[in-house]
C-alpha atoms as a PDB file:
ATOM      1  CA  VAL A   1      80.572 174.745  87.341  1.00  0.00           C
ATOM      2  CA  ALA A   2      80.363 172.330  84.423  1.00  0.00           C
ATOM      3  CA  GLY A   3      79.288 172.901  80.865  1.00  0.00           C
ATOM      4  CA  VAL A   4      78.970 171.831  77.250  1.00  0.00           C
ATOM      5  CA  GLU A   5      79.755 173.574  73.981  1.00  0.00           C
ATOM      6  CA  LEU A   6      78.834 172.532  70.453  1.00  0.00           C
ATOM      7  CA  PHE A   7      80.864 174.231  67.728  1.00  0.00           C
ATOM      8  CA  GLY A   8      80.374 174.473  63.995  1.00  0.00           C
ATOM      9  CA  SER A   9      76.602 174.565  63.529  1.00  0.00           C
ATOM     10  CA  THR A  10      74.228 177.510  63.205  1.00  0.00           C
ATOM     11  CA  SER A  11      71.055 175.420  62.895  1.00  0.00           C
ATOM     12  CA  SER A  12      68.097 175.237  65.253  1.00  0.00           C
ATOM     13  CA  ALA A  13      68.782 171.504  65.375  1.00  0.00           C
ATOM     14  CA  SER A  14      72.004 172.178  67.279  1.00  0.00           C
ATOM     15  CA  ASP A  15      70.158 174.594  69.584  1.00  0.00           C
ATOM     16  CA  ILE A  16      67.584 171.989  70.578  1.00  0.00           C
ATOM     17  CA  GLU A  17      70.214 169.263  70.895  1.00  0.00           C
ATOM     18  CA  VAL A  18      72.232 171.297  73.404  1.00  0.00           C
ATOM     19  CA  LEU A  19      69.143 172.615  75.177  1.00  0.00           C
ATOM     20  CA  ASN A  20      67.692 169.137  75.717  1.00  0.00           C
ATOM     21  CA  LEU A  21      71.077 167.795  76.803  1.00  0.00           C
ATOM     22  CA  ALA A  22      71.141 170.522  79.466  1.00  0.00           C
ATOM     23  CA  LEU A  23      67.701 169.463  80.686  1.00  0.00           C
ATOM     24  CA  GLU A  24      68.729 165.800  80.719  1.00  0.00           C
ATOM     25  CA  CYS A  25      71.662 166.754  82.951  1.00  0.00           C
ATOM     26  CA  LEU A  26      69.321 168.391  85.455  1.00  0.00           C
ATOM     27  CA  LYS A  27      67.030 165.358  85.395  1.00  0.00           C
ATOM     28  CA  ALA A  28      70.034 163.104  86.007  1.00  0.00           C
ATOM     29  CA  PHE A  29      70.555 165.014  89.257  1.00  0.00           C
ATOM     30  CA  GLY A  30      67.001 164.095  90.226  1.00  0.00           C
ATOM     31  CA  LEU A  31      65.503 167.549  89.711  1.00  0.00           C
ATOM     32  CA  LYS A  32      61.842 167.523  88.761  1.00  0.00           C
ATOM     33  CA  ASP A  33      59.297 170.028  87.442  1.00  0.00           C
ATOM     34  CA  ILE A  34      62.031 171.786  85.497  1.00  0.00           C
ATOM     35  CA  HIS A  35      60.931 175.257  84.353  1.00  0.00           C
ATOM     36  CA  LEU A  36      62.885 176.486  81.353  1.00  0.00           C
ATOM     37  CA  ASP A  37      62.817 180.165  80.428  1.00  0.00           C
ATOM     38  CA  ILE A  38      63.747 180.993  76.833  1.00  0.00           C
ATOM     39  CA  GLY A  39      64.712 184.269  75.226  1.00  0.00           C
ATOM     40  CA  HIS A  40      66.359 185.420  72.010  1.00  0.00           C
ATOM     41  CA  VAL A  41      68.540 188.476  71.515  1.00  0.00           C
ATOM     42  CA  PHE A  42      67.180 189.119  68.010  1.00  0.00           C
ATOM     43  CA  VAL A  43      63.882 190.399  69.418  1.00  0.00           C
ATOM     44  CA  VAL A  44      65.456 193.370  71.206  1.00  0.00           C
ATOM     45  CA  LYS A  45      68.101 193.728  68.486  1.00  0.00           C
ATOM     46  CA  ALA A  46      65.433 194.078  65.785  1.00  0.00           C
ATOM     47  CA  ILE A  47      63.869 196.955  67.736  1.00  0.00           C
ATOM     48  CA  VAL A  48      66.990 198.922  68.670  1.00  0.00           C
ATOM     49  CA  GLU A  49      68.616 198.578  65.242  1.00  0.00           C
ATOM     50  CA  ARG A  50      65.770 200.649  63.757  1.00  0.00           C
ATOM     51  CA  ASP A  51      66.788 203.558  65.957  1.00  0.00           C
ATOM     52  CA  PRO A  52      70.436 204.678  65.580  1.00  0.00           C
ATOM     53  CA  ASN A  53      70.154 206.713  68.783  1.00  0.00           C
ATOM     54  CA  CYS A  54      69.929 203.515  70.832  1.00  0.00           C
ATOM     55  CA  GLU A  55      73.603 202.704  70.453  1.00  0.00           C
ATOM     56  CA  LYS A  56      74.774 205.489  72.773  1.00  0.00           C
ATOM     57  CA  VAL A  57      72.363 204.533  75.559  1.00  0.00           C
ATOM     58  CA  MET A  58      72.348 200.710  75.228  1.00  0.00           C
ATOM     59  CA  PRO A  59      73.540 200.142  78.848  1.00  0.00           C
ATOM     60  CA  LYS A  60      70.514 202.113  80.094  1.00  0.00           C
ATOM     61  CA  ILE A  61      68.167 200.250  77.772  1.00  0.00           C
ATOM     62  CA  LEU A  62      69.511 196.885  78.910  1.00  0.00           C
ATOM     63  CA  TYR A  63      69.217 197.919  82.563  1.00  0.00           C
ATOM     64  CA  ALA A  64      65.592 198.928  82.083  1.00  0.00           C
ATOM     65  CA  LEU A  65      64.745 195.673  80.307  1.00  0.00           C
ATOM     66  CA  LYS A  66      66.590 193.450  82.768  1.00  0.00           C
ATOM     67  CA  HIS A  67      64.810 195.020  85.754  1.00  0.00           C
ATOM     68  CA  LYS A  68      61.523 195.545  83.890  1.00  0.00           C
ATOM     69  CA  ASP A  69      61.816 199.170  84.944  1.00  0.00           C
ATOM     70  CA  ARG A  70      59.358 201.153  82.822  1.00  0.00           C
ATOM     71  CA  SER A  71      60.316 204.468  84.397  1.00  0.00           C
ATOM     72  CA  ALA A  72      63.997 203.944  83.508  1.00  0.00           C
ATOM     73  CA  LEU A  73      62.934 203.321  79.920  1.00  0.00           C
ATOM     74  CA  GLU A  74      60.700 206.384  79.807  1.00  0.00           C
ATOM     75  CA  GLU A  75      63.584 208.550  81.067  1.00  0.00           C
ATOM     76  CA  LEU A  76      65.156 207.996  77.642  1.00  0.00           C
ATOM     77  CA  SER A  77      62.364 209.981  75.960  1.00  0.00           C
ATOM     78  CA  GLY A  78      63.948 212.633  73.793  1.00  0.00           C
ATOM     79  CA  VAL A  79      67.087 210.538  73.390  1.00  0.00           C
ATOM     80  CA  ILE A  80      65.577 207.592  71.506  1.00  0.00           C
ATOM     81  CA  GLU A  81      62.406 207.549  69.413  1.00  0.00           C
ATOM     82  CA  ASP A  82      59.073 207.298  71.187  1.00  0.00           C
ATOM     83  CA  SER A  83      58.202 204.384  68.894  1.00  0.00           C
ATOM     84  CA  THR A  84      61.305 202.566  70.182  1.00  0.00           C
ATOM     85  CA  ILE A  85      60.314 203.141  73.806  1.00  0.00           C
ATOM     86  CA  ASP A  86      56.809 201.898  73.032  1.00  0.00           C
ATOM     87  CA  ALA A  87      58.132 198.722  71.361  1.00  0.00           C
ATOM     88  CA  LEU A  88      60.543 197.981  74.194  1.00  0.00           C
ATOM     89  CA  ARG A  89      57.803 198.619  76.738  1.00  0.00           C
ATOM     90  CA  LYS A  90      55.634 196.014  74.990  1.00  0.00           C
ATOM     91  CA  ILE A  91      58.453 193.464  75.067  1.00  0.00           C
ATOM     92  CA  MET A  92      58.916 194.199  78.760  1.00  0.00           C
ATOM     93  CA  ARG A  93      55.365 193.146  79.591  1.00  0.00           C
ATOM     94  CA  MET A  94      54.976 190.318  77.061  1.00  0.00           C
ATOM     95  CA  PHE A  95      56.274 187.264  78.843  1.00  0.00           C
ATOM     96  CA  GLY A  96      54.788 183.928  79.819  1.00  0.00           C
ATOM     97  CA  GLY A  97      53.844 180.641  78.171  1.00  0.00           C
ATOM     98  CA  ILE A  98      53.818 179.577  74.543  1.00  0.00           C
ATOM     99  CA  GLU A  99      50.869 181.889  73.862  1.00  0.00           C
ATOM    100  CA  VAL A 100      53.239 184.856  74.175  1.00  0.00           C
ATOM    101  CA  LEU A 101      54.833 183.903  70.859  1.00  0.00           C
ATOM    102  CA  ASP A 102      51.521 184.377  69.037  1.00  0.00           C
ATOM    103  CA  GLU A 103      51.018 187.733  70.763  1.00  0.00           C
ATOM    104  CA  ILE A 104      54.446 188.953  69.680  1.00  0.00           C
ATOM    105  CA  GLU A 105      53.839 187.816  66.094  1.00  0.00           C
ATOM    106  CA  LYS A 106      50.684 189.932  65.943  1.00  0.00           C
ATOM    107  CA  GLU A 107      52.185 192.955  67.709  1.00  0.00           C
ATOM    108  CA  PHE A 108      55.421 193.007  65.688  1.00  0.00           C
ATOM    109  CA  SER A 109      54.154 191.863  62.287  1.00  0.00           C
ATOM    110  CA  ASP A 110      56.229 194.581  60.567  1.00  0.00           C
ATOM    111  CA  TYR A 111      59.523 193.261  62.013  1.00  0.00           C
ATOM    112  CA  PRO A 112      60.725 190.454  59.676  1.00  0.00           C
ATOM    113  CA  LEU A 113      63.587 189.470  61.977  1.00  0.00           C
ATOM    114  CA  ILE A 114      61.243 189.064  64.948  1.00  0.00           C
ATOM    115  CA  LEU A 115      58.812 186.956  62.889  1.00  0.00           C
ATOM    116  CA  GLN A 116      61.657 184.722  61.752  1.00  0.00           C
ATOM    117  CA  THR A 117      62.856 184.377  65.349  1.00  0.00           C
ATOM    118  CA  ILE A 118      59.406 183.494  66.686  1.00  0.00           C
ATOM    119  CA  GLU A 119      59.004 180.820  64.003  1.00  0.00           C
ATOM    120  CA  GLN A 120      62.330 179.320  65.059  1.00  0.00           C
ATOM    121  CA  LEU A 121      61.357 179.348  68.740  1.00  0.00           C
ATOM    122  CA  LYS A 122      58.039 177.639  68.033  1.00  0.00           C
ATOM    123  CA  TRP A 123      59.964 174.858  66.302  1.00  0.00           C
ATOM    124  CA  ILE A 124      62.263 174.535  69.324  1.00  0.00           C
ATOM    125  CA  ALA A 125      59.394 174.663  71.833  1.00  0.00           C
ATOM    126  CA  ASP A 126      57.680 171.781  70.040  1.00  0.00           C
ATOM    127  CA  ARG A 127      60.766 169.612  70.622  1.00  0.00           C
ATOM    128  CA  CYS A 128      61.781 170.792  74.099  1.00  0.00           C
ATOM    129  CA  ILE A 129      61.631 168.259  76.963  1.00  0.00           C
ATOM    130  CA  ALA A 130      61.219 170.816  79.782  1.00  0.00           C
ATOM    131  CA  ASP A 131      58.326 170.190  82.177  1.00  0.00           C
ATOM    132  CA  LYS A 132      57.346 173.856  81.994  1.00  0.00           C
ATOM    133  CA  LEU A 133      58.257 176.411  79.368  1.00  0.00           C
ATOM    134  CA  SER A 134      58.106 180.200  79.358  1.00  0.00           C
ATOM    135  CA  PHE A 135      59.443 183.039  77.236  1.00  0.00           C
ATOM    136  CA  ASP A 136      60.890 186.362  78.314  1.00  0.00           C
ATOM    137  CA  PHE A 137      62.627 188.566  75.751  1.00  0.00           C
ATOM    138  CA  SER A 138      63.442 191.334  78.209  1.00  0.00           C
ATOM    139  CA  ASP A 139      65.822 188.969  80.022  1.00  0.00           C
ATOM    140  CA  VAL A 140      68.941 190.396  78.377  1.00  0.00           C
ATOM    141  CA  HIS A 141      71.492 188.445  80.398  1.00  0.00           C
ATOM    142  CA  GLY A 142      74.578 188.150  78.198  1.00  0.00           C
ATOM    143  CA  TYR A 143      73.184 190.440  75.486  1.00  0.00           C
ATOM    144  CA  GLN A 144      76.653 191.803  74.701  1.00  0.00           C
ATOM    145  CA  TYR A 145      78.045 188.450  73.565  1.00  0.00           C
ATOM    146  CA  LEU A 146      75.098 186.132  72.921  1.00  0.00           C
ATOM    147  CA  THR A 147      73.925 186.006  69.314  1.00  0.00           C
ATOM    148  CA  GLY A 148      70.713 183.981  69.303  1.00  0.00           C
ATOM    149  CA  ILE A 149      68.651 181.840  71.634  1.00  0.00           C
ATOM    150  CA  THR A 150      69.163 182.216  75.384  1.00  0.00           C
ATOM    151  CA  PHE A 151      67.850 179.936  78.106  1.00  0.00           C
ATOM    152  CA  GLY A 152      67.990 179.431  81.837  1.00  0.00           C
ATOM    153  CA  VAL A 153      66.529 177.323  84.624  1.00  0.00           C
ATOM    154  CA  THR A 154      65.747 178.477  88.143  1.00  0.00           C
ATOM    155  CA  ILE A 155      64.136 176.414  90.875  1.00  0.00           C
ATOM    156  CA  PRO A 156      61.923 177.617  93.733  1.00  0.00           C
ATOM    157  CA  GLN A 157      64.439 176.897  96.484  1.00  0.00           C
ATOM    158  CA  ARG A 158      67.262 178.945  94.934  1.00  0.00           C
ATOM    159  CA  TYR A 159      67.441 182.564  93.788  1.00  0.00           C
ATOM    160  CA  GLN A 160      70.383 182.003  91.451  1.00  0.00           C
ATOM    161  CA  ALA A 161      69.976 180.097  88.199  1.00  0.00           C
ATOM    162  CA  VAL A 162      71.057 176.451  88.227  1.00  0.00           C
ATOM    163  CA  LEU A 163      71.603 176.520  84.465  1.00  0.00           C
ATOM    164  CA  ARG A 164      72.209 179.157  81.809  1.00  0.00           C
ATOM    165  CA  GLY A 165      72.999 178.804  78.147  1.00  0.00           C
ATOM    166  CA  GLY A 166      72.623 180.184  74.687  1.00  0.00           C
ATOM    167  CA  ARG A 167      74.161 180.778  71.298  1.00  0.00           C
ATOM    168  CA  TYR A 168      77.376 182.778  70.913  1.00  0.00           C
ATOM    169  CA  ASP A 169      78.482 182.569  67.293  1.00  0.00           C
ATOM    170  CA  SER A 170      81.195 185.236  67.485  1.00  0.00           C
ATOM    171  CA  ILE A 171      83.059 183.759  70.435  1.00  0.00           C
ATOM    172  CA  GLY A 172      86.336 183.095  68.572  1.00  0.00           C
ATOM    173  CA  ALA A 173      86.394 186.165  66.320  1.00  0.00           C
ATOM    174  CA  LYS A 174      89.047 188.029  68.330  1.00  0.00           C
ATOM    175  CA  PHE A 175      91.356 185.024  67.994  1.00  0.00           C
ATOM    176  CA  GLY A 176      90.936 184.786  64.231  1.00  0.00           C
ATOM    177  CA  ARG A 177      88.737 181.694  64.332  1.00  0.00           C
ATOM    178  CA  ASN A 178      85.133 182.768  64.238  1.00  0.00           C
ATOM    179  CA  ARG A 179      83.101 179.592  64.748  1.00  0.00           C
ATOM    180  CA  PRO A 180      79.392 179.315  65.542  1.00  0.00           C
ATOM    181  CA  ALA A 181      78.720 177.848  68.961  1.00  0.00           C
ATOM    182  CA  VAL A 182      75.926 177.029  71.372  1.00  0.00           C
ATOM    183  CA  GLY A 183      76.369 175.775  74.922  1.00  0.00           C
ATOM    184  CA  PHE A 184      75.336 175.850  78.546  1.00  0.00           C
ATOM    185  CA  THR A 185      76.729 176.070  82.062  1.00  0.00           C
ATOM    186  CA  LEU A 186      75.532 174.073  85.067  1.00  0.00           C
ATOM    187  CA  TYR A 187      76.003 175.781  88.439  1.00  0.00           C
ATOM    188  CA  LEU A 188      76.814 172.752  90.552  1.00  0.00           C
ATOM    189  CA  ARG A 189      76.949 174.588  93.867  1.00  0.00           C
ATOM    190  CA  GLU A 190      73.366 175.771  93.414  1.00  0.00           C
ATOM    191  CA  ILE A 191      72.228 172.298  92.369  1.00  0.00           C
ATOM    192  CA  ALA A 192      73.957 170.676  95.343  1.00  0.00           C
ATOM    193  CA  GLN A 193      72.032 172.874  97.746  1.00  0.00           C
ATOM    194  CA  VAL A 194      68.714 171.292  96.799  1.00  0.00           C
ATOM    195  CA  LEU A 195      69.731 167.677  96.343  1.00  0.00           C
ATOM    196  CA  PRO A 196      68.559 165.237  99.016  1.00  0.00           C
ATOM    197  CA  THR A 197      71.611 164.360 101.083  1.00  0.00           C
ATOM    198  CA  LYS A 198      72.261 162.312 104.192  1.00  0.00           C
ATOM    199  CA  ARG A 199      74.423 164.545 106.323  1.00  0.00           C
ATOM    200  CA  PRO A 200      76.498 162.629 108.854  1.00  0.00           C
ATOM    201  CA  TYR A 201      76.017 163.352 112.549  1.00  0.00           C
ATOM    202  CA  ALA A 202      78.899 165.238 114.117  1.00  0.00           C
ATOM    203  CA  VAL A 203      79.890 166.738 117.447  1.00  0.00           C
ATOM    204  CA  MET A 204      80.647 170.440 117.333  1.00  0.00           C
ATOM    205  CA  ALA A 205      83.710 171.472 119.302  1.00  0.00           C
ATOM    206  CA  PRO A 206      85.482 174.779 119.900  1.00  0.00           C
ATOM    207  CA  TRP A 207      88.987 175.465 118.686  1.00  0.00           C
ATOM    208  CA  ASP A 208      91.636 175.900 121.360  1.00  0.00           C
ATOM    209  CA  ASP A 209      95.003 174.522 120.408  1.00  0.00           C
ATOM    210  CA  GLY A 210      96.379 175.236 123.858  1.00  0.00           C
ATOM    211  CA  ASP A 211      93.760 173.265 125.813  1.00  0.00           C
ATOM    212  CA  LYS A 212      95.250 169.805 126.180  1.00  0.00           C
ATOM    213  CA  VAL A 213      92.162 168.467 127.992  1.00  0.00           C
ATOM    214  CA  LEU A 214      89.920 169.584 125.131  1.00  0.00           C
ATOM    215  CA  ASN A 215      92.210 168.073 122.513  1.00  0.00           C
ATOM    216  CA  GLU A 216      92.347 164.783 124.440  1.00  0.00           C
ATOM    217  CA  ALA A 217      88.539 164.674 124.632  1.00  0.00           C
ATOM    218  CA  ILE A 218      88.341 165.222 120.865  1.00  0.00           C
ATOM    219  CA  ARG A 219      90.931 162.503 120.245  1.00  0.00           C
ATOM    220  CA  LYS A 220      88.964 159.985 122.324  1.00  0.00           C
ATOM    221  CA  LEU A 221      85.734 160.778 120.509  1.00  0.00           C
ATOM    222  CA  ARG A 222      87.426 160.231 117.172  1.00  0.00           C
ATOM    223  CA  GLU A 223      88.877 156.935 118.377  1.00  0.00           C
ATOM    224  CA  GLU A 224      85.269 155.913 119.045  1.00  0.00           C
ATOM    225  CA  ASP A 225      84.542 156.687 115.365  1.00  0.00           C
ATOM    226  CA  ARG A 226      82.661 159.865 116.241  1.00  0.00           C
ATOM    227  CA  ILE A 227      82.973 162.776 113.822  1.00  0.00           C
ATOM    228  CA  VAL A 228      84.125 165.939 115.570  1.00  0.00           C
ATOM    229  CA  VAL A 229      84.011 169.282 113.791  1.00  0.00           C
ATOM    230  CA  GLN A 230      86.104 171.988 115.407  1.00  0.00           C
ATOM    231  CA  ILE A 231      84.885 175.515 114.750  1.00  0.00           C
ATOM    232  CA  LEU A 232      87.782 177.571 113.452  1.00  0.00           C
ATOM    233  CA  PRO A 233      87.751 181.369 113.885  1.00  0.00           C
ATOM    234  CA  GLU A 234      86.774 181.943 110.245  1.00  0.00           C
ATOM    235  CA  ASP A 235      84.067 179.246 110.170  1.00  0.00           C
ATOM    236  CA  ARG A 236      80.351 179.926 109.992  1.00  0.00           C
ATOM    237  CA  ILE A 237      78.227 177.322 111.732  1.00  0.00           C
ATOM    238  CA  GLU A 238      75.497 177.777 109.096  1.00  0.00           C
ATOM    239  CA  SER A 239      77.942 176.757 106.371  1.00  0.00           C
ATOM    240  CA  LEU A 240      79.151 173.707 108.296  1.00  0.00           C
ATOM    241  CA  GLU A 241      75.569 172.600 108.834  1.00  0.00           C
ATOM    242  CA  GLU A 242      75.232 172.194 105.084  1.00  0.00           C
ATOM    243  CA  SER A 243      77.568 169.195 105.390  1.00  0.00           C
ATOM    244  CA  PHE A 244      76.973 167.909 108.946  1.00  0.00           C
ATOM    245  CA  ARG A 245      74.160 167.361 111.429  1.00  0.00           C
ATOM    246  CA  LEU A 246      75.579 169.246 114.405  1.00  0.00           C
ATOM    247  CA  ASP A 247      73.090 167.967 116.966  1.00  0.00           C
ATOM    248  CA  GLU A 248      75.649 167.693 119.783  1.00  0.00           C
ATOM    249  CA  GLU A 249      78.453 169.849 121.066  1.00  0.00           C
ATOM    250  CA  LEU A 250      81.433 169.559 123.323  1.00  0.00           C
ATOM    251  CA  ILE A 251      81.204 172.027 126.210  1.00  0.00           C
ATOM    252  CA  LYS A 252      83.078 172.549 129.454  1.00  0.00           C
ATOM    253  CA  GLU A 253      81.153 171.869 132.688  1.00  0.00           C
ATOM    254  CA  ASP A 254      82.769 171.860 136.129  1.00  0.00           C
ATOM    255  CA  GLY A 255      86.206 171.727 134.542  1.00  0.00           C
ATOM    256  CA  GLU A 256      85.387 168.753 132.298  1.00  0.00           C
ATOM    257  CA  TRP A 257      84.601 168.553 128.609  1.00  0.00           C
ATOM    258  CA  LYS A 258      81.294 166.810 127.991  1.00  0.00           C
ATOM    259  CA  VAL A 259      79.173 165.995 124.953  1.00  0.00           C
ATOM    260  CA  VAL A 260      75.704 167.464 125.354  1.00  0.00           C
ATOM    261  CA  ARG A 261      72.734 167.925 123.087  1.00  0.00           C
ATOM    262  CA  ARG A 262      72.960 171.168 121.185  1.00  0.00           C
ATOM    263  CA  TYR A 263      70.010 173.501 121.384  1.00  0.00           C
ATOM    264  CA  THR A 264      69.527 176.143 118.712  1.00  0.00           C
ATOM    265  CA  LYS A 265      67.150 179.074 118.712  1.00  0.00           C
END
């Protein structure tokens, strides 16, 4: 992974600076049609802080929100207020484009913290360089330590996020140096899987340290500047094919090792 952190500022200006830097990094890799999903922990926090009973069941609330599991939320009836369940249920279904922010403003007009948060996010959205932008406040990834805006990028070819970030102003509190911070992490392994690459051609060969004829055949191929990949016991061919075009293999026919075209099912 790789990442960036900006310390010392609590302003929305620092949020958008780091957010756009993250998007520029993805564009530098050649990724296009970048879809950024934004959230903010204050939306859920404003709801649960009105109900003191939420504190003892926060893990269950976060699970329900993360999985958009309405039944899991409704199971908390009798433990938390019905009005809390209703508000969280609304947040669970209110996600999408910029129009969602207007919907939330209307629905939660009696929540000053939510209104302030939505105003901030509109300001950020107006300056964001993402190709596509959506909002989802039930995505509570990192809720326990994030303290403001959250954001992530996924791409169609990969299930895991290629980028995640957000604000975490209390990160240094336990060490006696509580500084505001906002940052992001790039998941390079996920990004590498979708980058256009020219995999070199290679001959696949079995591993048998005791077969001198096999080892001599491999040595000769390598002297001819051929790449030979020996399959070790712990290797997975699928993983090796991420780095090499294994179109040929070394097999034994009539007592001789020969390079033949490899056929896969």
